[in-house]
Each structure stands twice: as structure tokens, then as C-alpha cells.
Amino acid sequence: MAVPKFNNVDLVSDGAREVLGPIEPRVYMETMPGLHGEFVQTYGRRGRDIVVHGFLTATGDTADEAHQALKSDLYDKQMLADGQTVATYLSTDGATSYAYCVLLAYNQAGNMVTTKRGSQYQCRMPVVVRLRQLYAG
């Protein structure tokens, strides 16, 4: 599995999996008195939601450094959710890209866990990223 990217920024460190929402039509439906069925007007397609689950990881010489590095990385990723940046999302397969996406939310999805790995400390936490593909042509 490849690391998914938004605007060429890695969204997670590892363990990425994604859920692609459906592409739905935009329609207006109305019933008419005395007639069977519905009157339908079509207006193209809606966008779709893309949800990415994974883990964010940071290391440091001390547990405190690893924890601070992870919090800093989390904050930087959350700042991508500005609602104004329309960019390409690169999928977990590393090959499929989705144009016209907006990052809506970058959320911590569980506790930070710090472990010692050799001479370094590693801090890791699960995250959930929610994107919206504005136009799924």
C-alpha cells in the first residue's frame, strides 16, 4: 500500500485504507397532483466523500520529543483543512488520482501511544481524514 497524498502532502505515515463514497446524480423530483409517478429534472452529478483511515507516526530521542513531533505533525496536517485548497488526492494504490478535492477534516481517532524502538522513541496515533471530491467526472 502506498501512502495517500493530498496536494503532494502525505496524509498518514502507514496503515492507510480508504473508503470511496458513491457518485450520485443531482436530481429534483416533484409529484404532480392527479398524475402517477414523479416529475424529474437532472442536474449532472454530485461530488463524493473519500474517507482515509491510517496512522500518524513520529520519532524522537526522548518520549517527550516524539510526542511533541507527533503533535506538531498533526497540527500541520489539520491546517490543510482550510476549505479553500482544491487539489488532487492520490489514492492508497499509489496510481489512482482524484482531482478537484477539498480536505474537510483531519481528526485524531484514538490515543497516542509511545514506545521505545532501539535508541529512539516512537509516538503513534490513529487518524481519520475526510475529503470531498467536488466533481467526479
N, C-alpha and C. Protein backbone atom coordinates (compact mmCIF):
# COMPACT_ATOMS: atom_id res chain seq x y z
N MET A 1 0.83 -1.19 0.00
CA MET A 1 0.00 0.00 0.00
C MET A 1 0.87 1.26 0.00
N ALA A 2 0.48 2.18 -0.81
CA ALA A 2 1.17 3.46 -0.87
C ALA A 2 0.58 4.41 0.16
N VAL A 3 1.32 5.44 0.47
CA VAL A 3 0.85 6.47 1.39
C VAL A 3 0.00 7.46 0.59
N PRO A 4 -1.26 7.66 0.97
CA PRO A 4 -2.11 8.60 0.23
C PRO A 4 -1.64 10.04 0.44
N LYS A 5 -1.86 10.85 -0.60
CA LYS A 5 -1.41 12.24 -0.55
C LYS A 5 -2.54 13.18 -0.95
N PHE A 6 -2.50 14.36 -0.35
CA PHE A 6 -3.38 15.46 -0.76
C PHE A 6 -2.48 16.64 -1.05
N ASN A 7 -2.56 17.16 -2.28
CA ASN A 7 -1.72 18.29 -2.68
C ASN A 7 -0.24 17.97 -2.46
N ASN A 8 0.15 16.72 -2.75
CA ASN A 8 1.52 16.20 -2.60
C ASN A 8 2.02 16.14 -1.16
N VAL A 9 1.13 16.16 -0.19
CA VAL A 9 1.49 16.02 1.23
C VAL A 9 0.98 14.67 1.72
N ASP A 10 1.87 13.88 2.36
CA ASP A 10 1.45 12.58 2.91
C ASP A 10 0.38 12.80 3.97
N LEU A 11 -0.72 12.06 3.85
CA LEU A 11 -1.81 12.20 4.82
C LEU A 11 -1.59 11.34 6.06
N VAL A 12 -0.96 10.19 5.90
CA VAL A 12 -0.68 9.29 7.02
C VAL A 12 0.73 8.75 6.87
N SER A 13 1.24 8.14 7.93
CA SER A 13 2.57 7.53 7.88
C SER A 13 2.50 6.09 7.37
N ASP A 14 1.49 5.35 7.84
CA ASP A 14 1.33 3.95 7.43
C ASP A 14 -0.08 3.47 7.75
N GLY A 15 -0.36 2.24 7.34
CA GLY A 15 -1.64 1.61 7.64
C GLY A 15 -2.83 2.24 6.95
N ALA A 16 -2.62 2.86 5.79
CA ALA A 16 -3.70 3.58 5.12
C ALA A 16 -4.71 2.64 4.48
N ARG A 17 -5.96 2.99 4.65
CA ARG A 17 -7.06 2.35 3.93
C ARG A 17 -8.09 3.44 3.65
N GLU A 18 -8.80 3.28 2.56
CA GLU A 18 -9.73 4.34 2.15
C GLU A 18 -11.09 3.77 1.83
N VAL A 19 -12.08 4.62 1.95
CA VAL A 19 -13.45 4.29 1.58
C VAL A 19 -13.90 5.37 0.61
N LEU A 20 -14.21 4.95 -0.62
CA LEU A 20 -14.67 5.89 -1.64
C LEU A 20 -16.19 5.91 -1.62
N GLY A 21 -16.75 7.08 -1.43
CA GLY A 21 -18.20 7.22 -1.45
C GLY A 21 -18.73 7.10 -2.87
N PRO A 22 -20.03 6.91 -3.01
CA PRO A 22 -20.62 6.78 -4.34
C PRO A 22 -20.72 8.11 -5.07
N ILE A 23 -20.72 8.01 -6.38
CA ILE A 23 -21.02 9.18 -7.21
C ILE A 23 -22.52 9.14 -7.46
N GLU A 24 -23.21 10.19 -7.05
CA GLU A 24 -24.67 10.21 -7.14
C GLU A 24 -25.14 11.31 -8.09
N PRO A 25 -26.26 11.09 -8.74
CA PRO A 25 -26.81 12.14 -9.60
C PRO A 25 -27.45 13.25 -8.77
N ARG A 26 -27.44 14.45 -9.31
CA ARG A 26 -28.18 15.56 -8.71
C ARG A 26 -29.51 15.65 -9.42
N VAL A 27 -30.59 15.44 -8.69
CA VAL A 27 -31.91 15.45 -9.30
C VAL A 27 -32.89 16.23 -8.43
N TYR A 28 -33.90 16.75 -9.10
CA TYR A 28 -35.02 17.39 -8.42
C TYR A 28 -36.25 16.59 -8.80
N MET A 29 -36.98 16.10 -7.80
CA MET A 29 -38.18 15.30 -8.07
C MET A 29 -39.39 15.97 -7.45
N GLU A 30 -40.49 15.92 -8.20
CA GLU A 30 -41.73 16.55 -7.72
C GLU A 30 -42.91 15.70 -8.18
N THR A 31 -43.87 15.57 -7.31
CA THR A 31 -45.10 14.87 -7.70
C THR A 31 -46.10 15.90 -8.20
N MET A 32 -46.90 15.49 -9.14
CA MET A 32 -47.90 16.37 -9.72
C MET A 32 -49.29 15.87 -9.32
N PRO A 33 -50.15 16.73 -8.82
CA PRO A 33 -51.50 16.29 -8.43
C PRO A 33 -52.24 15.66 -9.60
N GLY A 34 -52.83 14.52 -9.35
CA GLY A 34 -53.63 13.84 -10.36
C GLY A 34 -52.84 13.02 -11.36
N LEU A 35 -51.52 13.02 -11.27
CA LEU A 35 -50.69 12.24 -12.19
C LEU A 35 -49.92 11.18 -11.42
N HIS A 36 -49.74 10.04 -12.03
CA HIS A 36 -48.94 8.98 -11.42
C HIS A 36 -47.46 9.25 -11.65
N GLY A 37 -46.64 8.85 -10.70
CA GLY A 37 -45.20 8.98 -10.85
C GLY A 37 -44.69 10.33 -10.37
N GLU A 38 -43.47 10.65 -10.80
CA GLU A 38 -42.81 11.88 -10.39
C GLU A 38 -42.22 12.60 -11.60
N PHE A 39 -42.17 13.91 -11.51
CA PHE A 39 -41.50 14.74 -12.50
C PHE A 39 -40.04 14.87 -12.04
N VAL A 40 -39.10 14.61 -12.93
CA VAL A 40 -37.68 14.60 -12.56
C VAL A 40 -36.91 15.55 -13.47
N GLN A 41 -36.08 16.38 -12.85
CA GLN A 41 -35.11 17.20 -13.58
C GLN A 41 -33.73 16.77 -13.12
N THR A 42 -32.83 16.51 -14.06
CA THR A 42 -31.46 16.10 -13.71
C THR A 42 -30.51 17.28 -13.85
N TYR A 43 -29.53 17.33 -12.98
CA TYR A 43 -28.56 18.42 -12.95
C TYR A 43 -27.13 17.90 -12.86
N GLY A 44 -26.82 16.86 -13.57
CA GLY A 44 -25.45 16.33 -13.54
C GLY A 44 -25.20 15.45 -12.32
N ARG A 45 -23.93 15.39 -11.91
CA ARG A 45 -23.54 14.55 -10.78
C ARG A 45 -23.09 15.39 -9.60
N ARG A 46 -23.25 14.80 -8.43
CA ARG A 46 -22.70 15.39 -7.20
C ARG A 46 -21.25 14.96 -7.07
N GLY A 47 -20.58 15.52 -6.09
CA GLY A 47 -19.25 15.04 -5.73
C GLY A 47 -19.38 13.79 -4.88
N ARG A 48 -18.28 13.37 -4.29
CA ARG A 48 -18.30 12.21 -3.42
C ARG A 48 -17.37 12.42 -2.24
N ASP A 49 -17.65 11.71 -1.14
CA ASP A 49 -16.78 11.74 0.03
C ASP A 49 -15.73 10.64 -0.10
N ILE A 50 -14.54 10.95 0.37
CA ILE A 50 -13.45 9.97 0.46
C ILE A 50 -12.96 10.02 1.90
N VAL A 51 -12.96 8.87 2.57
CA VAL A 51 -12.52 8.80 3.95
C VAL A 51 -11.28 7.92 4.02
N VAL A 52 -10.22 8.44 4.64
CA VAL A 52 -8.96 7.72 4.77
C VAL A 52 -8.71 7.45 6.25
N HIS A 53 -8.41 6.20 6.57
CA HIS A 53 -8.01 5.81 7.93
C HIS A 53 -6.55 5.40 7.88
N GLY A 54 -5.82 5.70 8.93
CA GLY A 54 -4.42 5.31 8.97
C GLY A 54 -3.78 5.73 10.27
N PHE A 55 -2.45 5.72 10.30
CA PHE A 55 -1.69 6.08 11.49
C PHE A 55 -0.69 7.17 11.16
N LEU A 56 -0.53 8.08 12.08
CA LEU A 56 0.47 9.13 12.01
C LEU A 56 1.55 8.75 13.01
N THR A 57 2.82 8.81 12.61
CA THR A 57 3.92 8.36 13.45
C THR A 57 5.02 9.41 13.45
N ALA A 58 5.66 9.59 14.61
CA ALA A 58 6.82 10.48 14.73
C ALA A 58 7.81 9.85 15.70
N THR A 59 9.08 10.20 15.54
CA THR A 59 10.13 9.67 16.42
C THR A 59 10.89 10.80 17.08
N GLY A 60 11.60 10.46 18.14
CA GLY A 60 12.43 11.41 18.85
C GLY A 60 13.41 10.70 19.76
N ASP A 61 14.39 11.45 20.27
CA ASP A 61 15.38 10.86 21.18
C ASP A 61 14.80 10.57 22.55
N THR A 62 13.74 11.30 22.91
CA THR A 62 13.05 11.05 24.17
C THR A 62 11.56 10.87 23.87
N ALA A 63 10.85 10.33 24.83
CA ALA A 63 9.41 10.16 24.66
C ALA A 63 8.73 11.51 24.46
N ASP A 64 9.20 12.51 25.19
CA ASP A 64 8.65 13.87 25.06
C ASP A 64 8.85 14.43 23.66
N GLU A 65 10.06 14.25 23.10
CA GLU A 65 10.34 14.74 21.75
C GLU A 65 9.45 14.06 20.71
N ALA A 66 9.28 12.76 20.85
CA ALA A 66 8.43 12.02 19.91
C ALA A 66 6.99 12.51 20.01
N HIS A 67 6.52 12.73 21.23
CA HIS A 67 5.16 13.21 21.44
C HIS A 67 4.96 14.60 20.83
N GLN A 68 5.91 15.49 21.07
CA GLN A 68 5.82 16.85 20.53
C GLN A 68 5.91 16.85 19.00
N ALA A 69 6.76 15.99 18.44
CA ALA A 69 6.88 15.91 16.98
C ALA A 69 5.56 15.43 16.36
N LEU A 70 4.91 14.47 17.03
CA LEU A 70 3.63 13.97 16.52
C LEU A 70 2.55 15.03 16.59
N LYS A 71 2.50 15.76 17.70
CA LYS A 71 1.50 16.82 17.84
C LYS A 71 1.73 17.92 16.79
N SER A 72 2.98 18.23 16.52
CA SER A 72 3.30 19.24 15.52
C SER A 72 2.88 18.78 14.12
N ASP A 73 3.14 17.52 13.82
CA ASP A 73 2.74 16.97 12.52
C ASP A 73 1.22 16.94 12.39
N LEU A 74 0.53 16.56 13.46
CA LEU A 74 -0.94 16.55 13.46
C LEU A 74 -1.48 17.96 13.17
N TYR A 75 -0.92 18.95 13.85
CA TYR A 75 -1.36 20.33 13.65
C TYR A 75 -1.14 20.77 12.20
N ASP A 76 0.03 20.45 11.65
CA ASP A 76 0.33 20.82 10.26
C ASP A 76 -0.67 20.19 9.29
N LYS A 77 -1.01 18.93 9.53
CA LYS A 77 -1.96 18.24 8.66
C LYS A 77 -3.37 18.83 8.82
N GLN A 78 -3.74 19.18 10.05
CA GLN A 78 -5.06 19.78 10.27
C GLN A 78 -5.18 21.13 9.58
N MET A 79 -4.08 21.84 9.42
CA MET A 79 -4.10 23.13 8.74
C MET A 79 -4.37 22.99 7.24
N LEU A 80 -4.23 21.78 6.70
CA LEU A 80 -4.57 21.55 5.29
C LEU A 80 -6.08 21.65 5.06
N ALA A 81 -6.84 21.49 6.11
CA ALA A 81 -8.31 21.56 6.02
C ALA A 81 -8.77 23.01 6.10
N ASP A 82 -8.38 23.79 5.09
CA ASP A 82 -8.73 25.21 5.10
C ASP A 82 -10.01 25.49 4.33
N GLY A 83 -10.54 24.49 3.62
CA GLY A 83 -11.78 24.69 2.87
C GLY A 83 -11.59 25.49 1.59
N GLN A 84 -10.36 25.91 1.31
CA GLN A 84 -10.11 26.73 0.13
C GLN A 84 -9.19 26.06 -0.88
N THR A 85 -8.37 25.14 -0.41
CA THR A 85 -7.41 24.48 -1.28
C THR A 85 -8.09 23.34 -2.02
N VAL A 86 -8.20 23.48 -3.32
CA VAL A 86 -8.73 22.43 -4.18
C VAL A 86 -7.52 21.78 -4.85
N ALA A 87 -7.33 20.50 -4.59
CA ALA A 87 -6.13 19.82 -5.08
C ALA A 87 -6.44 18.37 -5.42
N THR A 88 -5.43 17.67 -5.86
CA THR A 88 -5.57 16.26 -6.23
C THR A 88 -5.26 15.37 -5.04
N TYR A 89 -6.07 14.34 -4.89
CA TYR A 89 -5.85 13.30 -3.88
C TYR A 89 -5.29 12.08 -4.59
N LEU A 90 -4.14 11.57 -4.13
CA LEU A 90 -3.53 10.37 -4.67
C LEU A 90 -3.88 9.21 -3.76
N SER A 91 -4.48 8.19 -4.31
CA SER A 91 -5.06 7.07 -3.58
C SER A 91 -4.02 6.17 -2.90
N THR A 92 -4.52 5.24 -2.11
CA THR A 92 -3.66 4.29 -1.39
C THR A 92 -3.01 3.28 -2.32
N ASP A 93 -3.46 3.19 -3.58
CA ASP A 93 -2.78 2.29 -4.51
C ASP A 93 -1.58 2.96 -5.17
N GLY A 94 -1.39 4.25 -4.93
CA GLY A 94 -0.25 4.98 -5.45
C GLY A 94 -0.36 5.36 -6.92
N ALA A 95 -1.45 4.96 -7.58
CA ALA A 95 -1.58 5.22 -9.01
C ALA A 95 -2.84 6.01 -9.37
N THR A 96 -3.92 5.80 -8.63
CA THR A 96 -5.18 6.45 -8.95
C THR A 96 -5.24 7.81 -8.29
N SER A 97 -5.56 8.83 -9.09
CA SER A 97 -5.69 10.17 -8.52
C SER A 97 -7.11 10.68 -8.72
N TYR A 98 -7.53 11.51 -7.80
CA TYR A 98 -8.86 12.11 -7.81
C TYR A 98 -8.68 13.62 -7.78
N ALA A 99 -9.04 14.27 -8.88
CA ALA A 99 -8.88 15.72 -8.99
C ALA A 99 -10.03 16.44 -8.29
N TYR A 100 -9.85 17.71 -8.07
CA TYR A 100 -10.88 18.61 -7.50
C TYR A 100 -11.33 18.16 -6.10
N CYS A 101 -10.38 17.92 -5.22
CA CYS A 101 -10.71 17.52 -3.86
C CYS A 101 -10.43 18.65 -2.87
N VAL A 102 -11.22 18.66 -1.79
CA VAL A 102 -11.03 19.58 -0.68
C VAL A 102 -10.89 18.73 0.58
N LEU A 103 -9.89 19.03 1.40
CA LEU A 103 -9.74 18.31 2.66
C LEU A 103 -10.67 18.99 3.68
N LEU A 104 -11.64 18.23 4.18
CA LEU A 104 -12.64 18.79 5.08
C LEU A 104 -12.28 18.64 6.55
N ALA A 105 -11.65 17.52 6.92
CA ALA A 105 -11.33 17.29 8.33
C ALA A 105 -10.17 16.32 8.46
N TYR A 106 -9.33 16.58 9.45
CA TYR A 106 -8.21 15.69 9.77
C TYR A 106 -8.30 15.47 11.29
N ASN A 107 -8.76 14.29 11.69
CA ASN A 107 -9.07 14.05 13.10
C ASN A 107 -8.22 12.96 13.72
N GLN A 108 -7.81 13.20 14.95
CA GLN A 108 -7.21 12.15 15.77
C GLN A 108 -8.33 11.17 16.10
N ALA A 109 -8.06 9.86 15.91
CA ALA A 109 -9.11 8.86 16.08
C ALA A 109 -8.85 7.91 17.24
N GLY A 110 -7.92 8.26 18.11
CA GLY A 110 -7.60 7.40 19.24
C GLY A 110 -6.43 7.97 20.01
N ASN A 111 -5.96 7.19 20.96
CA ASN A 111 -4.87 7.64 21.84
C ASN A 111 -3.52 7.61 21.15
N MET A 112 -2.64 8.51 21.57
CA MET A 112 -1.24 8.46 21.17
C MET A 112 -0.56 7.40 22.01
N VAL A 113 0.23 6.56 21.37
CA VAL A 113 0.95 5.51 22.08
C VAL A 113 2.43 5.68 21.80
N THR A 114 3.23 5.75 22.86
CA THR A 114 4.66 5.94 22.73
C THR A 114 5.38 4.65 23.13
N THR A 115 6.30 4.21 22.28
CA THR A 115 7.09 3.01 22.55
C THR A 115 8.55 3.29 22.27
N LYS A 116 9.41 2.50 22.89
CA LYS A 116 10.84 2.65 22.66
C LYS A 116 11.23 1.68 21.55
N ARG A 117 11.92 2.18 20.55
CA ARG A 117 12.39 1.39 19.41
C ARG A 117 13.90 1.55 19.31
N GLY A 118 14.64 0.65 19.88
CA GLY A 118 16.10 0.78 19.90
C GLY A 118 16.49 1.97 20.75
N SER A 119 17.21 2.91 20.18
CA SER A 119 17.61 4.10 20.93
C SER A 119 16.62 5.25 20.77
N GLN A 120 15.63 5.06 19.91
CA GLN A 120 14.63 6.10 19.64
C GLN A 120 13.30 5.76 20.28
N TYR A 121 12.49 6.80 20.45
CA TYR A 121 11.11 6.63 20.89
C TYR A 121 10.20 6.91 19.70
N GLN A 122 9.13 6.17 19.62
CA GLN A 122 8.16 6.36 18.55
C GLN A 122 6.79 6.64 19.15
N CYS A 123 6.15 7.67 18.66
CA CYS A 123 4.80 8.02 19.08
C CYS A 123 3.89 7.81 17.88
N ARG A 124 2.76 7.14 18.10
CA ARG A 124 1.87 6.75 17.01
C ARG A 124 0.42 6.94 17.42
N MET A 125 -0.43 7.38 16.49
CA MET A 125 -1.85 7.52 16.78
C MET A 125 -2.67 7.30 15.51
N PRO A 126 -3.88 6.78 15.68
CA PRO A 126 -4.76 6.61 14.52
C PRO A 126 -5.41 7.95 14.14
N VAL A 127 -5.61 8.12 12.85
CA VAL A 127 -6.25 9.33 12.34
C VAL A 127 -7.31 8.96 11.31
N VAL A 128 -8.27 9.86 11.14
CA VAL A 128 -9.29 9.74 10.10
C VAL A 128 -9.30 11.05 9.32
N VAL A 129 -9.21 10.93 8.01
CA VAL A 129 -9.16 12.10 7.13
C VAL A 129 -10.41 12.06 6.24
N ARG A 130 -11.09 13.19 6.16
CA ARG A 130 -12.28 13.26 5.32
C ARG A 130 -12.07 14.29 4.22
N LEU A 131 -12.19 13.82 2.97
CA LEU A 131 -12.06 14.67 1.81
C LEU A 131 -13.37 14.68 1.04
N ARG A 132 -13.55 15.70 0.21
CA ARG A 132 -14.71 15.77 -0.66
C ARG A 132 -14.22 16.00 -2.07
N GLN A 133 -14.54 15.09 -2.98
CA GLN A 133 -14.24 15.32 -4.38
C GLN A 133 -15.40 16.11 -4.95
N LEU A 134 -15.13 17.33 -5.35
CA LEU A 134 -16.18 18.27 -5.76
C LEU A 134 -16.82 17.89 -7.08
N TYR A 135 -16.02 17.36 -7.96
CA TYR A 135 -16.55 16.97 -9.27
C TYR A 135 -15.97 15.60 -9.59
N ALA A 136 -16.81 14.62 -9.75
CA ALA A 136 -16.37 13.27 -10.11
C ALA A 136 -16.81 13.00 -11.53
N GLY A 137 -16.02 13.47 -12.48
CA GLY A 137 -16.38 13.38 -13.89
C GLY A 137 -16.09 12.04 -14.43
